[in-house]
Amino acid sequence: MISALAELADAQVVATAETADDAAAVLDSLKDTWQLAVVDLCLREGSGLTVLRACQGRRAHQRVVVLTNYPTVEMRRRSLELGADAVFDKSRELELFFEWCQPS
């Protein structure tokens, strides 16, 4: 995914995390320097919903997108309510995801 983001969305990955706590800590340490957070709902520990909560105080230039294997109507609704800018299905919407991630 990292190499695909670089190639298809012209994105430079500055950090990754496998747990909700690690993701929240990384985002906090990067302050307002990050531009895009890609969040999976299923993490090794914790939930991507927790990461979305940690992003709620982000700046206007920072976007958050959920990329998941479980894009149910309920998960989409909860993700958007918690501030996700978009939600994509990993198995069927990768092309749309990469298009969405490209800088405007």
C-alpha atoms as a PDB file:
ATOM      1  CA  MET A   1       0.000   0.000   0.000  1.00  0.00           C
ATOM      2  CA  ILE A   2       2.847   2.408   0.800  1.00  0.00           C
ATOM      3  CA  SER A   3       4.457   2.080  -2.613  1.00  0.00           C
ATOM      4  CA  ALA A   4       1.055   2.302  -4.313  1.00  0.00           C
ATOM      5  CA  LEU A   5       0.264   5.538  -2.466  1.00  0.00           C
ATOM      6  CA  ALA A   6       3.580   6.993  -3.590  1.00  0.00           C
ATOM      7  CA  GLU A   7       3.101   5.926  -7.191  1.00  0.00           C
ATOM      8  CA  LEU A   8      -0.638   6.399  -7.724  1.00  0.00           C
ATOM      9  CA  ALA A   9      -1.431   9.282  -5.374  1.00  0.00           C
ATOM     10  CA  ASP A  10       1.922  11.066  -5.246  1.00  0.00           C
ATOM     11  CA  ALA A  11       1.890  10.687  -1.444  1.00  0.00           C
ATOM     12  CA  GLN A  12       4.896  10.439   0.838  1.00  0.00           C
ATOM     13  CA  VAL A  13       4.208   8.138   3.788  1.00  0.00           C
ATOM     14  CA  VAL A  14       5.754   9.639   6.921  1.00  0.00           C
ATOM     15  CA  ALA A  15       4.500   7.136   9.510  1.00  0.00           C
ATOM     16  CA  THR A  16       2.552   3.943  10.022  1.00  0.00           C
ATOM     17  CA  ALA A  17       0.954   2.385  13.090  1.00  0.00           C
ATOM     18  CA  GLU A  18      -0.597  -0.982  13.867  1.00  0.00           C
ATOM     19  CA  THR A  19      -2.611  -0.035  16.947  1.00  0.00           C
ATOM     20  CA  ALA A  20      -5.106   2.709  17.713  1.00  0.00           C
ATOM     21  CA  ASP A  21      -2.941   4.074  20.543  1.00  0.00           C
ATOM     22  CA  ASP A  22       0.169   4.170  18.340  1.00  0.00           C
ATOM     23  CA  ALA A  23      -1.740   5.892  15.543  1.00  0.00           C
ATOM     24  CA  ALA A  24      -3.108   8.550  17.899  1.00  0.00           C
ATOM     25  CA  ALA A  25       0.388   9.121  19.324  1.00  0.00           C
ATOM     26  CA  VAL A  26       1.942   9.432  15.857  1.00  0.00           C
ATOM     27  CA  LEU A  27      -0.694  11.908  14.693  1.00  0.00           C
ATOM     28  CA  ASP A  28      -0.222  13.931  17.864  1.00  0.00           C
ATOM     29  CA  SER A  29       3.563  13.974  17.450  1.00  0.00           C
ATOM     30  CA  LEU A  30       3.263  15.160  13.845  1.00  0.00           C
ATOM     31  CA  LYS A  31       1.011  18.040  14.957  1.00  0.00           C
ATOM     32  CA  ASP A  32      -0.214  19.952  11.910  1.00  0.00           C
ATOM     33  CA  THR A  33       2.454  18.684   9.481  1.00  0.00           C
ATOM     34  CA  TRP A  34       0.516  15.664   8.186  1.00  0.00           C
ATOM     35  CA  GLN A  35      -1.910  16.122   5.304  1.00  0.00           C
ATOM     36  CA  LEU A  36      -3.643  12.760   4.907  1.00  0.00           C
ATOM     37  CA  ALA A  37      -4.361   9.978   7.385  1.00  0.00           C
ATOM     38  CA  VAL A  38      -5.453   6.634   5.965  1.00  0.00           C
ATOM     39  CA  VAL A  39      -7.265   4.686   8.675  1.00  0.00           C
ATOM     40  CA  ASP A  40      -8.218   1.010   8.694  1.00  0.00           C
ATOM     41  CA  LEU A  41     -11.094   0.129  11.012  1.00  0.00           C
ATOM     42  CA  CYS A  42      -9.564  -3.214  12.009  1.00  0.00           C
ATOM     43  CA  LEU A  43      -6.215  -2.797  13.727  1.00  0.00           C
ATOM     44  CA  ARG A  44      -3.930  -5.192  15.578  1.00  0.00           C
ATOM     45  CA  GLU A  45      -5.122  -3.539  18.782  1.00  0.00           C
ATOM     46  CA  GLY A  46      -8.004  -1.128  19.140  1.00  0.00           C
ATOM     47  CA  SER A  47     -10.239   0.294  16.462  1.00  0.00           C
ATOM     48  CA  GLY A  48      -9.885   2.748  13.649  1.00  0.00           C
ATOM     49  CA  LEU A  49     -12.883   4.530  15.152  1.00  0.00           C
ATOM     50  CA  THR A  50     -10.599   5.501  18.049  1.00  0.00           C
ATOM     51  CA  VAL A  51      -8.126   6.932  15.531  1.00  0.00           C
ATOM     52  CA  LEU A  52     -10.934   8.942  13.933  1.00  0.00           C
ATOM     53  CA  ARG A  53     -11.782  10.392  17.343  1.00  0.00           C
ATOM     54  CA  ALA A  54      -8.117  11.397  17.755  1.00  0.00           C
ATOM     55  CA  CYS A  55      -8.329  13.288  14.439  1.00  0.00           C
ATOM     56  CA  GLN A  56     -11.373  15.354  15.353  1.00  0.00           C
ATOM     57  CA  GLY A  57      -9.327  18.432  16.269  1.00  0.00           C
ATOM     58  CA  ARG A  58      -7.337  18.408  13.037  1.00  0.00           C
ATOM     59  CA  ARG A  59      -6.667  21.476  10.902  1.00  0.00           C
ATOM     60  CA  ALA A  60      -8.586  22.303   7.712  1.00  0.00           C
ATOM     61  CA  HIS A  61      -5.748  21.096   5.440  1.00  0.00           C
ATOM     62  CA  GLN A  62      -5.690  17.637   7.057  1.00  0.00           C
ATOM     63  CA  ARG A  63      -7.881  14.955   5.508  1.00  0.00           C
ATOM     64  CA  VAL A  64      -8.819  11.568   6.966  1.00  0.00           C
ATOM     65  CA  VAL A  65      -9.962   8.627   4.888  1.00  0.00           C
ATOM     66  CA  VAL A  66     -11.110   5.180   5.993  1.00  0.00           C
ATOM     67  CA  LEU A  67     -10.001   2.193   3.923  1.00  0.00           C
ATOM     68  CA  THR A  68     -11.654  -0.996   5.162  1.00  0.00           C
ATOM     69  CA  ASN A  69     -12.756  -4.516   4.322  1.00  0.00           C
ATOM     70  CA  TYR A  70     -15.966  -3.875   6.293  1.00  0.00           C
ATOM     71  CA  PRO A  71     -17.707  -0.951   4.571  1.00  0.00           C
ATOM     72  CA  THR A  72     -21.144  -1.695   5.962  1.00  0.00           C
ATOM     73  CA  VAL A  73     -23.741   1.050   5.976  1.00  0.00           C
ATOM     74  CA  GLU A  74     -23.329   1.319   9.761  1.00  0.00           C
ATOM     75  CA  MET A  75     -19.510   1.529   9.606  1.00  0.00           C
ATOM     76  CA  ARG A  76     -19.687   4.164   6.877  1.00  0.00           C
ATOM     77  CA  ARG A  77     -22.171   6.171   8.940  1.00  0.00           C
ATOM     78  CA  ARG A  78     -20.113   5.941  12.146  1.00  0.00           C
ATOM     79  CA  SER A  79     -16.882   6.801  10.334  1.00  0.00           C
ATOM     80  CA  LEU A  80     -18.402   9.877   8.713  1.00  0.00           C
ATOM     81  CA  GLU A  81     -19.988  10.954  12.003  1.00  0.00           C
ATOM     82  CA  LEU A  82     -16.548  10.749  13.649  1.00  0.00           C
ATOM     83  CA  GLY A  83     -15.092  13.030  10.995  1.00  0.00           C
ATOM     84  CA  ALA A  84     -13.849  10.816   8.178  1.00  0.00           C
ATOM     85  CA  ASP A  85     -13.827  12.699   4.900  1.00  0.00           C
ATOM     86  CA  ALA A  86     -14.454   9.511   2.913  1.00  0.00           C
ATOM     87  CA  VAL A  87     -14.809   5.743   3.334  1.00  0.00           C
ATOM     88  CA  PHE A  88     -13.638   3.177   0.757  1.00  0.00           C
ATOM     89  CA  ASP A  89     -13.955  -0.592   0.440  1.00  0.00           C
ATOM     90  CA  LYS A  90     -10.487  -2.171   0.177  1.00  0.00           C
ATOM     91  CA  SER A  91     -11.725  -4.990  -2.005  1.00  0.00           C
ATOM     92  CA  ARG A  92     -13.783  -2.987  -4.515  1.00  0.00           C
ATOM     93  CA  GLU A  93     -12.924   0.704  -4.407  1.00  0.00           C
ATOM     94  CA  LEU A  94      -9.133   0.959  -4.472  1.00  0.00           C
ATOM     95  CA  GLU A  95      -9.075   2.896  -7.729  1.00  0.00           C
ATOM     96  CA  LEU A  96     -11.513   5.444  -6.300  1.00  0.00           C
ATOM     97  CA  PHE A  97      -9.446   5.593  -3.110  1.00  0.00           C
ATOM     98  CA  PHE A  98      -6.219   6.393  -4.989  1.00  0.00           C
ATOM     99  CA  GLU A  99      -8.007   9.012  -7.088  1.00  0.00           C
ATOM    100  CA  TRP A 100      -9.427  10.612  -3.944  1.00  0.00           C
ATOM    101  CA  CYS A 101      -5.970  10.703  -2.303  1.00  0.00           C
ATOM    102  CA  GLN A 102      -4.376  12.674  -5.145  1.00  0.00           C
ATOM    103  CA  PRO A 103      -3.661  16.298  -4.344  1.00  0.00           C
ATOM    104  CA  SER A 104      -6.221  18.745  -5.671  1.00  0.00           C
END
